[in-house]
């Protein structure tokens, strides 16, 4: 979790580094954790990022696209590193 008091924002992240794609249950659980932390009422802007070693299920990709949730795969990290 990362906070920005100046912007009134919170960034909630989760990383699953396994051999199977991250499913909708992980995203639902991440949002539940943010709610437990009080993030949804305390900060005007809550952003989410999911990290996965091998990718995401199609239902996670669809929901993320509709809600502005960033998805990052292991290959994305390697591309960013090699571009530096």
C-alpha atoms as a PDB file:
ATOM      1  CA  UNK A   1       0.000   0.000   0.000  1.00  0.00           C
ATOM      2  CA  UNK A   2       1.223   3.490  -0.801  1.00  0.00           C
ATOM      3  CA  UNK A   3      -0.298   6.724   0.487  1.00  0.00           C
ATOM      4  CA  UNK A   4      -0.209  10.269  -0.781  1.00  0.00           C
ATOM      5  CA  UNK A   5      -1.590  12.719   1.739  1.00  0.00           C
ATOM      6  CA  UNK A   6      -0.971  15.645  -0.585  1.00  0.00           C
ATOM      7  CA  UNK A   7      -3.154  14.139  -3.313  1.00  0.00           C
ATOM      8  CA  UNK A   8      -5.539  12.282  -1.017  1.00  0.00           C
ATOM      9  CA  UNK A   9      -4.789   9.031  -2.807  1.00  0.00           C
ATOM     10  CA  UNK A  10      -4.003   5.459  -1.877  1.00  0.00           C
ATOM     11  CA  UNK A  11      -2.485   2.749  -4.053  1.00  0.00           C
ATOM     12  CA  UNK A  12      -3.290  -0.831  -3.087  1.00  0.00           C
ATOM     13  CA  UNK A  13      -1.203  -3.581  -4.697  1.00  0.00           C
ATOM     14  CA  UNK A  14      -1.002  -7.364  -4.647  1.00  0.00           C
ATOM     15  CA  UNK A  15       1.588  -9.689  -6.166  1.00  0.00           C
ATOM     16  CA  UNK A  16       0.974 -13.362  -6.928  1.00  0.00           C
ATOM     17  CA  UNK A  17       4.094 -15.040  -8.252  1.00  0.00           C
ATOM     18  CA  UNK A  18       2.852 -18.505  -9.215  1.00  0.00           C
ATOM     19  CA  UNK A  19       2.639 -20.604 -12.379  1.00  0.00           C
ATOM     20  CA  UNK A  20      -1.091 -20.038 -12.908  1.00  0.00           C
ATOM     21  CA  UNK A  21      -2.900 -16.884 -14.032  1.00  0.00           C
ATOM     22  CA  UNK A  22      -4.346 -14.628 -11.350  1.00  0.00           C
ATOM     23  CA  UNK A  23      -8.115 -15.041 -11.081  1.00  0.00           C
ATOM     24  CA  UNK A  24     -10.996 -12.826 -10.110  1.00  0.00           C
ATOM     25  CA  UNK A  25     -10.848 -14.075  -6.512  1.00  0.00           C
ATOM     26  CA  UNK A  26      -7.532 -12.271  -6.009  1.00  0.00           C
ATOM     27  CA  UNK A  27      -8.926  -8.953  -7.248  1.00  0.00           C
ATOM     28  CA  UNK A  28     -12.059  -9.319  -5.121  1.00  0.00           C
ATOM     29  CA  UNK A  29      -9.882 -10.107  -2.089  1.00  0.00           C
ATOM     30  CA  UNK A  30      -7.643  -7.094  -2.753  1.00  0.00           C
ATOM     31  CA  UNK A  31     -10.678  -4.804  -2.825  1.00  0.00           C
ATOM     32  CA  UNK A  32     -11.936  -6.406   0.401  1.00  0.00           C
ATOM     33  CA  UNK A  33      -8.573  -5.735   2.066  1.00  0.00           C
ATOM     34  CA  UNK A  34      -8.731  -2.090   0.984  1.00  0.00           C
ATOM     35  CA  UNK A  35     -12.194  -1.837   2.488  1.00  0.00           C
ATOM     36  CA  UNK A  36     -11.029  -3.410   5.773  1.00  0.00           C
ATOM     37  CA  UNK A  37      -8.218  -0.854   5.927  1.00  0.00           C
ATOM     38  CA  UNK A  38     -10.784   1.912   5.564  1.00  0.00           C
ATOM     39  CA  UNK A  39      -9.288   3.022   2.264  1.00  0.00           C
ATOM     40  CA  UNK A  40     -12.604   3.479   0.495  1.00  0.00           C
ATOM     41  CA  UNK A  41     -13.891   6.130   2.887  1.00  0.00           C
ATOM     42  CA  UNK A  42     -10.671   7.849   3.899  1.00  0.00           C
ATOM     43  CA  UNK A  43      -9.073   8.695   0.585  1.00  0.00           C
ATOM     44  CA  UNK A  44     -10.929  10.209  -2.354  1.00  0.00           C
ATOM     45  CA  UNK A  45      -8.887   8.221  -4.852  1.00  0.00           C
ATOM     46  CA  UNK A  46      -8.178   4.488  -4.475  1.00  0.00           C
ATOM     47  CA  UNK A  47      -6.104   2.814  -7.205  1.00  0.00           C
ATOM     48  CA  UNK A  48      -5.310  -0.863  -7.602  1.00  0.00           C
ATOM     49  CA  UNK A  49      -2.443  -2.770  -9.228  1.00  0.00           C
ATOM     50  CA  UNK A  50      -2.189  -6.546  -9.575  1.00  0.00           C
ATOM     51  CA  UNK A  51       1.137  -8.206 -10.349  1.00  0.00           C
ATOM     52  CA  UNK A  52       1.323 -11.724 -11.778  1.00  0.00           C
ATOM     53  CA  UNK A  53       4.149 -13.939 -12.919  1.00  0.00           C
ATOM     54  CA  UNK A  54       2.274 -15.409 -15.901  1.00  0.00           C
ATOM     55  CA  UNK A  55      -0.801 -13.265 -16.485  1.00  0.00           C
ATOM     56  CA  UNK A  56      -4.461 -12.964 -15.642  1.00  0.00           C
ATOM     57  CA  UNK A  57      -7.713 -14.719 -16.405  1.00  0.00           C
ATOM     58  CA  UNK A  58      -9.974 -13.121 -18.999  1.00  0.00           C
ATOM     59  CA  UNK A  59     -12.528 -12.103 -16.361  1.00  0.00           C
ATOM     60  CA  UNK A  60      -9.841 -10.200 -14.424  1.00  0.00           C
ATOM     61  CA  UNK A  61      -8.653  -8.512 -17.621  1.00  0.00           C
ATOM     62  CA  UNK A  62     -12.208  -7.452 -18.509  1.00  0.00           C
ATOM     63  CA  UNK A  63     -12.991  -6.081 -15.045  1.00  0.00           C
ATOM     64  CA  UNK A  64      -9.624  -4.326 -14.817  1.00  0.00           C
ATOM     65  CA  UNK A  65     -10.186  -2.663 -18.185  1.00  0.00           C
ATOM     66  CA  UNK A  66     -13.621  -1.405 -17.146  1.00  0.00           C
ATOM     67  CA  UNK A  67     -12.441  -0.121 -13.742  1.00  0.00           C
ATOM     68  CA  UNK A  68      -9.022   1.303 -14.602  1.00  0.00           C
ATOM     69  CA  UNK A  69      -7.104  -1.311 -12.617  1.00  0.00           C
ATOM     70  CA  UNK A  70      -3.506  -1.773 -13.722  1.00  0.00           C
ATOM     71  CA  UNK A  71      -2.328  -5.328 -14.436  1.00  0.00           C
ATOM     72  CA  UNK A  72       1.405  -6.080 -14.578  1.00  0.00           C
ATOM     73  CA  UNK A  73       2.890  -9.385 -15.725  1.00  0.00           C
ATOM     74  CA  UNK A  74       6.396 -10.668 -15.153  1.00  0.00           C
ATOM     75  CA  UNK A  75       7.191 -10.121 -18.850  1.00  0.00           C
ATOM     76  CA  UNK A  76       6.155  -6.458 -18.498  1.00  0.00           C
ATOM     77  CA  UNK A  77       8.732  -6.009 -15.744  1.00  0.00           C
ATOM     78  CA  UNK A  78      11.469  -7.563 -17.871  1.00  0.00           C
ATOM     79  CA  UNK A  79      10.552  -5.277 -20.811  1.00  0.00           C
ATOM     80  CA  UNK A  80      10.751  -2.179 -18.614  1.00  0.00           C
ATOM     81  CA  UNK A  81      14.115  -3.268 -17.249  1.00  0.00           C
ATOM     82  CA  UNK A  82      15.612  -3.946 -20.687  1.00  0.00           C
ATOM     83  CA  UNK A  83      14.336  -0.576 -21.963  1.00  0.00           C
ATOM     84  CA  UNK A  84      16.283   1.267 -19.251  1.00  0.00           C
END
